[in-house]
Amino acid sequence: MTLVDGVFAPEGQQWNNGSYWWDETQTVSPFQTILTLDASYKIDRVVLQADDNDDYKIEYWDGAAWQAAFWAGVTGGYGLTTRDSGIISSFTTDQFRFTALNGDEYYAMSEFQAFAAPGVPEPASWAMMLAGFGLAGAAMRGRKRATASFG
């Protein structure tokens, strides 16, 4: 099973049907798994679909230590349920860590998605853009003078 395939299971689907699942008796408690991305991204929202009666702590790697991204708590109901962080303070990472806690010691995750924050130009980009506008303005002013002189 894959945790990131872009497909959410139907809400309420049985927790061990088509999901990445385990029970605590087969692993060290608390269970943790790490997802490594292909590059670093600036993230401002995460979504996890997982078993309804368990807690899942989602953390990101900041290059030096694990930091809290989102706590996907118990939702009630039955089976797989989706937890959406909504817009959160953006962070840049190339790794996520999931820790399964509490509940009935039978854990399942069926989909995880992280959304990239809109790009904000870096200060150097702003400087280059302003310089470009300045040069374009100077060139237009130079043409206007040349036209006036020869006209």
Protein backbone atom coordinates (compact mmCIF):
# COMPACT_ATOMS: atom_id res chain seq x y z
CA MET A 1 0.00 0.00 0.00
CA THR A 2 1.13 3.55 -0.62
CA LEU A 3 0.40 6.48 1.64
CA VAL A 4 0.57 9.11 -1.10
CA ASP A 5 -1.22 8.15 -4.30
CA GLY A 6 -3.67 11.05 -4.63
CA VAL A 7 -6.73 8.91 -3.92
CA PHE A 8 -8.83 9.18 -0.78
CA ALA A 9 -10.84 6.11 0.23
CA PRO A 10 -14.58 6.60 0.72
CA GLU A 11 -15.24 8.16 4.14
CA GLY A 12 -16.08 5.47 6.68
CA GLN A 13 -14.44 2.65 4.70
CA GLN A 14 -13.23 -0.16 6.95
CA TRP A 15 -9.86 0.85 8.43
CA ASN A 16 -7.89 -2.17 7.15
CA ASN A 17 -9.33 -2.25 3.63
CA GLY A 18 -6.90 -0.71 1.11
CA SER A 19 -4.95 1.28 3.70
CA TYR A 20 -1.46 1.25 5.19
CA TRP A 21 -2.23 -0.39 8.54
CA TRP A 22 -0.54 -2.06 11.48
CA ASP A 23 -1.25 -3.05 15.05
CA GLU A 24 0.85 -1.99 18.00
CA THR A 25 1.70 -5.57 18.99
CA GLN A 26 3.81 -5.88 15.81
CA THR A 27 5.78 -2.68 16.35
CA VAL A 28 7.48 -0.58 18.96
CA SER A 29 5.11 1.81 20.72
CA PRO A 30 4.52 4.55 19.68
CA PHE A 31 4.56 3.67 15.99
CA GLN A 32 6.38 6.15 13.74
CA THR A 33 6.99 6.30 10.03
CA ILE A 34 8.80 8.92 7.93
CA LEU A 35 7.82 10.15 4.49
CA THR A 36 10.65 11.75 2.49
CA LEU A 37 9.74 14.15 -0.34
CA ASP A 38 11.69 14.57 -3.59
CA ALA A 39 12.67 18.16 -2.68
CA SER A 40 12.01 20.83 -0.05
CA TYR A 41 8.65 22.57 -0.24
CA LYS A 42 7.03 25.45 1.58
CA ILE A 43 3.85 23.89 3.07
CA ASP A 44 0.78 25.64 4.51
CA ARG A 45 -1.82 22.83 4.74
CA VAL A 46 -1.84 19.08 5.34
CA VAL A 47 -4.60 16.48 5.04
CA LEU A 48 -4.54 12.96 6.49
CA GLN A 49 -7.12 10.23 6.02
CA ALA A 50 -6.75 7.67 8.80
CA ASP A 51 -8.60 5.41 11.21
CA ASP A 52 -11.22 7.44 13.08
CA ASN A 53 -10.53 6.35 16.68
CA ASP A 54 -6.79 7.04 16.89
CA ASP A 55 -4.56 10.11 17.20
CA TYR A 56 -1.87 10.89 14.63
CA LYS A 57 0.85 13.44 15.29
CA ILE A 58 2.26 14.91 12.06
CA GLU A 59 5.67 16.56 12.30
CA TYR A 60 8.05 18.09 9.77
CA TRP A 61 11.84 18.18 9.66
CA ASP A 62 13.23 21.74 9.74
CA GLY A 63 16.80 20.65 8.98
CA ALA A 64 17.78 20.31 12.63
CA ALA A 65 14.82 18.90 14.57
CA TRP A 66 11.25 17.61 14.25
CA GLN A 67 8.59 20.31 14.63
CA ALA A 68 4.83 19.96 15.13
CA ALA A 69 2.80 20.46 11.95
CA PHE A 70 -0.66 19.13 12.82
CA TRP A 71 -2.39 16.92 15.39
CA ALA A 72 -4.94 14.70 13.65
CA GLY A 73 -7.09 13.68 16.59
CA VAL A 74 -9.87 11.17 17.11
CA THR A 75 -12.92 11.96 14.99
CA GLY A 76 -15.48 9.37 16.04
CA GLY A 77 -17.71 7.68 13.53
CA TYR A 78 -16.41 4.58 11.82
CA GLY A 79 -13.45 3.58 9.67
CA LEU A 80 -11.30 5.94 7.65
CA THR A 81 -11.96 9.65 8.16
CA THR A 82 -10.25 12.70 6.73
CA ARG A 83 -8.61 15.35 8.93
CA ASP A 84 -7.71 18.67 7.30
CA SER A 85 -5.41 21.14 9.06
CA GLY A 86 -6.84 24.08 7.10
CA ILE A 87 -4.36 26.87 6.41
CA ILE A 88 -1.55 26.77 8.98
CA SER A 89 1.66 28.77 9.49
CA SER A 90 3.84 27.83 6.55
CA PHE A 91 7.05 25.87 6.95
CA THR A 92 9.66 24.44 4.61
CA THR A 93 10.50 20.74 4.72
CA ASP A 94 11.48 17.66 2.78
CA GLN A 95 10.29 15.12 5.39
CA PHE A 96 7.20 14.33 7.44
CA ARG A 97 7.01 12.03 10.44
CA PHE A 98 3.78 10.36 11.56
CA THR A 99 3.32 9.02 15.08
CA ALA A 100 0.25 6.91 15.88
CA LEU A 101 -0.96 7.18 19.46
CA ASN A 102 -3.77 6.16 21.78
CA GLY A 103 -6.93 4.60 20.39
CA ASP A 104 -7.38 0.86 20.07
CA GLU A 105 -3.77 0.08 19.02
CA TYR A 106 -4.89 -0.78 15.47
CA TYR A 107 -3.76 2.07 13.23
CA ALA A 108 -4.41 2.84 9.58
CA MET A 109 -3.54 5.69 7.21
CA SER A 110 -4.89 5.70 3.67
CA GLU A 111 -3.83 9.08 2.24
CA PHE A 112 -1.60 12.02 3.14
CA GLN A 113 -1.39 15.25 1.18
CA ALA A 114 0.69 18.37 1.81
CA PHE A 115 -0.10 21.60 -0.03
CA ALA A 116 2.55 24.09 -1.13
CA ALA A 117 2.13 27.64 0.09
CA PRO A 118 1.84 30.30 -2.64
CA GLY A 119 5.25 31.60 -3.62
CA VAL A 120 6.34 34.95 -2.26
CA PRO A 121 9.22 36.59 -4.11
CA GLU A 122 12.54 36.63 -2.29
CA PRO A 123 14.12 40.05 -1.55
CA ALA A 124 16.64 39.54 -4.37
CA SER A 125 13.76 38.90 -6.80
CA TRP A 126 12.06 42.12 -5.69
CA ALA A 127 15.31 44.05 -6.23
CA MET A 128 15.76 42.60 -9.73
CA MET A 129 12.13 43.36 -10.61
CA LEU A 130 12.44 46.99 -9.41
CA ALA A 131 15.71 47.41 -11.29
CA GLY A 132 14.02 46.04 -14.43
CA PHE A 133 11.15 48.52 -14.08
CA GLY A 134 13.68 51.32 -13.57
CA LEU A 135 15.64 50.37 -16.70
CA ALA A 136 12.45 50.05 -18.75
CA GLY A 137 11.31 53.48 -17.54
CA ALA A 138 14.71 55.03 -18.35
CA ALA A 139 14.68 53.48 -21.83
CA MET A 140 11.17 54.80 -22.52
CA ARG A 141 12.15 58.27 -21.31
CA GLY A 142 15.28 58.15 -23.51
CA ARG A 143 13.18 57.26 -26.58
CA LYS A 144 10.76 60.08 -25.86
CA ARG A 145 13.65 62.61 -25.75
CA ALA A 146 15.17 61.19 -28.96
CA THR A 147 11.82 61.49 -30.74
CA ALA A 148 11.38 65.08 -29.52
CA SER A 149 14.91 66.05 -30.66
CA PHE A 150 14.55 64.68 -34.17
CA GLY A 151 10.91 65.51 -34.71
